Amino acid sequence: MSQVESYKGQAAEIDVAPGQVTALLDQGCAFDGRLTFEGTVRIGGQFRGEIFTNDTLVVNPGARVEAQIEAETVIISGAVRGNIFARRKVIMHPPATFTGTVTTPSLRIDEGVVFEGASYMPKS
């Protein structure tokens, strides 16, 4: 498990081993379009469009994502606007902000996260 710095100086655990990251769209980068991948992708910059994967998407603190997201697992610490469909789980760590709809069987929203929208939790 790796850690990111969260609000109040506490480290927030993220369920991704350091060697598992397949791609990184880092701070200062911007991308518009459709992203399809295998493995784990971390977004630290700006993304607008659609994201499809059978694996894990991590949105780092400071990132801005406006997208329709379909993934196995989504971990958010940045700003996300759009709709998320996650087959396994969605985890939101502060300083995350989310606006939209989340559909997933498991949803965790830590204290300090701003969540504006709706959540649907279908039976597995």
C-alpha atoms as a PDB file:
ATOM      1  CA  MET A   1       0.000   0.000   0.000  1.00  0.00           C
ATOM      2  CA  SER A   2       1.244   3.460  -0.813  1.00  0.00           C
ATOM      3  CA  GLN A   3       0.344   6.664   0.982  1.00  0.00           C
ATOM      4  CA  VAL A   4      -0.597  10.173  -0.066  1.00  0.00           C
ATOM      5  CA  GLU A   5      -0.542  13.204   2.182  1.00  0.00           C
ATOM      6  CA  SER A   6      -4.075  14.070   3.221  1.00  0.00           C
ATOM      7  CA  TYR A   7      -5.496  17.046   5.032  1.00  0.00           C
ATOM      8  CA  LYS A   8      -4.285  17.801   8.558  1.00  0.00           C
ATOM      9  CA  GLY A   9      -0.929  16.189   7.710  1.00  0.00           C
ATOM     10  CA  GLN A  10      -2.203  12.634   8.068  1.00  0.00           C
ATOM     11  CA  ALA A  11      -1.215  10.033   5.529  1.00  0.00           C
ATOM     12  CA  ALA A  12      -4.120   8.348   3.749  1.00  0.00           C
ATOM     13  CA  GLU A  13      -3.606   4.759   2.656  1.00  0.00           C
ATOM     14  CA  ILE A  14      -4.259   3.912  -0.964  1.00  0.00           C
ATOM     15  CA  ASP A  15      -4.753   0.301  -2.014  1.00  0.00           C
ATOM     16  CA  VAL A  16      -2.095   0.337  -4.746  1.00  0.00           C
ATOM     17  CA  ALA A  17       1.396  -1.113  -4.424  1.00  0.00           C
ATOM     18  CA  PRO A  18       4.135   1.227  -5.752  1.00  0.00           C
ATOM     19  CA  GLY A  19       5.212  -1.112  -8.571  1.00  0.00           C
ATOM     20  CA  GLN A  20       1.698  -1.573  -9.923  1.00  0.00           C
ATOM     21  CA  VAL A  21       1.226   1.792 -11.656  1.00  0.00           C
ATOM     22  CA  THR A  22       0.883   1.268 -15.409  1.00  0.00           C
ATOM     23  CA  ALA A  23       0.667   4.927 -16.466  1.00  0.00           C
ATOM     24  CA  LEU A  24       0.786   8.381 -14.926  1.00  0.00           C
ATOM     25  CA  LEU A  25      -0.765  11.616 -16.140  1.00  0.00           C
ATOM     26  CA  ASP A  26       1.095  13.885 -13.737  1.00  0.00           C
ATOM     27  CA  GLN A  27       0.578  17.410 -12.460  1.00  0.00           C
ATOM     28  CA  GLY A  28       0.943  19.968 -15.239  1.00  0.00           C
ATOM     29  CA  CYS A  29      -0.398  17.576 -17.904  1.00  0.00           C
ATOM     30  CA  ALA A  30      -3.819  17.837 -19.529  1.00  0.00           C
ATOM     31  CA  PHE A  31      -5.637  15.290 -21.686  1.00  0.00           C
ATOM     32  CA  ASP A  32      -9.003  15.370 -23.477  1.00  0.00           C
ATOM     33  CA  GLY A  33     -10.437  12.164 -24.925  1.00  0.00           C
ATOM     34  CA  ARG A  34     -10.997   8.506 -24.175  1.00  0.00           C
ATOM     35  CA  LEU A  35      -8.632   6.559 -21.920  1.00  0.00           C
ATOM     36  CA  THR A  36      -8.664   2.757 -21.929  1.00  0.00           C
ATOM     37  CA  PHE A  37      -6.050   0.818 -19.974  1.00  0.00           C
ATOM     38  CA  GLU A  38      -5.053  -2.291 -18.042  1.00  0.00           C
ATOM     39  CA  GLY A  39      -3.354  -2.119 -14.659  1.00  0.00           C
ATOM     40  CA  THR A  40      -3.376   0.994 -12.487  1.00  0.00           C
ATOM     41  CA  VAL A  41      -3.369   4.560 -13.803  1.00  0.00           C
ATOM     42  CA  ARG A  42      -2.754   7.612 -11.642  1.00  0.00           C
ATOM     43  CA  ILE A  43      -4.032  10.999 -12.741  1.00  0.00           C
ATOM     44  CA  GLY A  44      -2.347  13.999 -11.147  1.00  0.00           C
ATOM     45  CA  GLY A  45      -3.117  16.577 -13.838  1.00  0.00           C
ATOM     46  CA  GLN A  46      -6.280  17.393 -15.778  1.00  0.00           C
ATOM     47  CA  PHE A  47      -8.420  14.901 -17.672  1.00  0.00           C
ATOM     48  CA  ARG A  48     -11.656  15.404 -19.574  1.00  0.00           C
ATOM     49  CA  GLY A  49     -13.548  12.664 -21.413  1.00  0.00           C
ATOM     50  CA  GLU A  50     -14.184   8.967 -20.791  1.00  0.00           C
ATOM     51  CA  ILE A  51     -12.227   6.377 -18.817  1.00  0.00           C
ATOM     52  CA  PHE A  52     -12.740   2.617 -19.238  1.00  0.00           C
ATOM     53  CA  THR A  53     -10.804  -0.128 -17.460  1.00  0.00           C
ATOM     54  CA  ASN A  54     -11.179  -3.486 -15.768  1.00  0.00           C
ATOM     55  CA  ASP A  55      -8.594  -2.352 -13.228  1.00  0.00           C
ATOM     56  CA  THR A  56      -7.849   0.631 -10.936  1.00  0.00           C
ATOM     57  CA  LEU A  57      -7.991   4.384 -11.435  1.00  0.00           C
ATOM     58  CA  VAL A  58      -6.337   6.668  -8.854  1.00  0.00           C
ATOM     59  CA  VAL A  59      -7.032  10.426  -8.872  1.00  0.00           C
ATOM     60  CA  ASN A  60      -4.280  12.164  -6.904  1.00  0.00           C
ATOM     61  CA  PRO A  61      -4.686  15.318  -4.783  1.00  0.00           C
ATOM     62  CA  GLY A  62      -4.641  18.399  -7.008  1.00  0.00           C
ATOM     63  CA  ALA A  63      -5.961  16.508 -10.047  1.00  0.00           C
ATOM     64  CA  ARG A  64      -9.077  17.656 -11.890  1.00  0.00           C
ATOM     65  CA  VAL A  65     -11.115  15.025 -13.720  1.00  0.00           C
ATOM     66  CA  GLU A  66     -14.325  15.625 -15.649  1.00  0.00           C
ATOM     67  CA  ALA A  67     -15.323  12.251 -17.034  1.00  0.00           C
ATOM     68  CA  GLN A  68     -17.608   9.291 -17.326  1.00  0.00           C
ATOM     69  CA  ILE A  69     -15.679   6.552 -15.510  1.00  0.00           C
ATOM     70  CA  GLU A  70     -16.134   2.789 -15.707  1.00  0.00           C
ATOM     71  CA  ALA A  71     -13.607   0.785 -13.669  1.00  0.00           C
ATOM     72  CA  GLU A  72     -13.102  -2.056 -11.229  1.00  0.00           C
ATOM     73  CA  THR A  73     -11.865   0.257  -8.442  1.00  0.00           C
ATOM     74  CA  VAL A  74     -11.697   4.066  -8.235  1.00  0.00           C
ATOM     75  CA  ILE A  75      -9.668   5.879  -5.558  1.00  0.00           C
ATOM     76  CA  ILE A  76     -10.161   9.650  -5.405  1.00  0.00           C
ATOM     77  CA  SER A  77      -8.153  12.293  -3.553  1.00  0.00           C
ATOM     78  CA  GLY A  78      -8.576  15.063  -6.156  1.00  0.00           C
ATOM     79  CA  ALA A  79     -11.549  16.756  -7.828  1.00  0.00           C
ATOM     80  CA  VAL A  80     -13.886  14.609  -9.937  1.00  0.00           C
ATOM     81  CA  ARG A  81     -17.026  15.693 -11.793  1.00  0.00           C
ATOM     82  CA  GLY A  82     -19.048  13.105 -13.677  1.00  0.00           C
ATOM     83  CA  ASN A  83     -20.499   9.657 -13.269  1.00  0.00           C
ATOM     84  CA  ILE A  84     -18.643   6.655 -11.857  1.00  0.00           C
ATOM     85  CA  PHE A  85     -19.579   3.025 -12.363  1.00  0.00           C
ATOM     86  CA  ALA A  86     -17.222   0.824 -10.328  1.00  0.00           C
ATOM     87  CA  ARG A  87     -17.665  -2.947 -10.307  1.00  0.00           C
ATOM     88  CA  ARG A  88     -15.785  -3.430  -7.004  1.00  0.00           C
ATOM     89  CA  LYS A  89     -15.431  -0.227  -4.951  1.00  0.00           C
ATOM     90  CA  VAL A  90     -14.974   3.538  -4.782  1.00  0.00           C
ATOM     91  CA  ILE A  91     -12.858   5.162  -2.062  1.00  0.00           C
ATOM     92  CA  MET A  92     -12.706   8.924  -1.480  1.00  0.00           C
ATOM     93  CA  HIS A  93      -9.938  10.429   0.686  1.00  0.00           C
ATOM     94  CA  PRO A  94      -9.686  14.127   1.631  1.00  0.00           C
ATOM     95  CA  PRO A  95      -9.136  16.597   0.070  1.00  0.00           C
ATOM     96  CA  ALA A  96     -11.354  14.961  -2.591  1.00  0.00           C
ATOM     97  CA  THR A  97     -14.337  16.746  -4.057  1.00  0.00           C
ATOM     98  CA  PHE A  98     -16.890  14.804  -6.065  1.00  0.00           C
ATOM     99  CA  THR A  99     -19.884  16.016  -8.060  1.00  0.00           C
ATOM    100  CA  GLY A 100     -22.022  13.470  -9.878  1.00  0.00           C
ATOM    101  CA  THR A 101     -23.347   9.947  -9.489  1.00  0.00           C
ATOM    102  CA  VAL A 102     -21.566   6.895  -8.102  1.00  0.00           C
ATOM    103  CA  THR A 103     -22.796   3.358  -8.765  1.00  0.00           C
ATOM    104  CA  THR A 104     -20.818   0.681  -6.906  1.00  0.00           C
ATOM    105  CA  PRO A 105     -21.368  -2.178  -4.457  1.00  0.00           C
ATOM    106  CA  SER A 106     -18.894  -0.621  -1.968  1.00  0.00           C
ATOM    107  CA  LEU A 107     -18.483   3.107  -1.280  1.00  0.00           C
ATOM    108  CA  ARG A 108     -16.175   4.681   1.321  1.00  0.00           C
ATOM    109  CA  ILE A 109     -16.186   8.446   1.862  1.00  0.00           C
ATOM    110  CA  ASP A 110     -13.705   9.616   4.486  1.00  0.00           C
ATOM    111  CA  GLU A 111     -14.348  12.603   6.738  1.00  0.00           C
ATOM    112  CA  GLY A 112     -13.331  15.837   5.000  1.00  0.00           C
ATOM    113  CA  VAL A 113     -14.454  14.794   1.497  1.00  0.00           C
ATOM    114  CA  VAL A 114     -16.973  17.023  -0.294  1.00  0.00           C
ATOM    115  CA  PHE A 115     -19.613  14.812  -1.973  1.00  0.00           C
ATOM    116  CA  GLU A 116     -22.354  16.443  -4.053  1.00  0.00           C
ATOM    117  CA  GLY A 117     -24.551  14.010  -5.892  1.00  0.00           C
ATOM    118  CA  ALA A 118     -26.079  10.589  -5.576  1.00  0.00           C
ATOM    119  CA  SER A 119     -24.890   7.100  -4.818  1.00  0.00           C
ATOM    120  CA  TYR A 120     -26.390   3.767  -5.858  1.00  0.00           C
ATOM    121  CA  MET A 121     -25.208   0.539  -4.299  1.00  0.00           C
ATOM    122  CA  PRO A 122     -26.551  -2.480  -6.198  1.00  0.00           C
ATOM    123  CA  LYS A 123     -26.287  -5.915  -4.661  1.00  0.00           C
ATOM    124  CA  SER A 124     -23.177  -7.791  -5.778  1.00  0.00           C
END
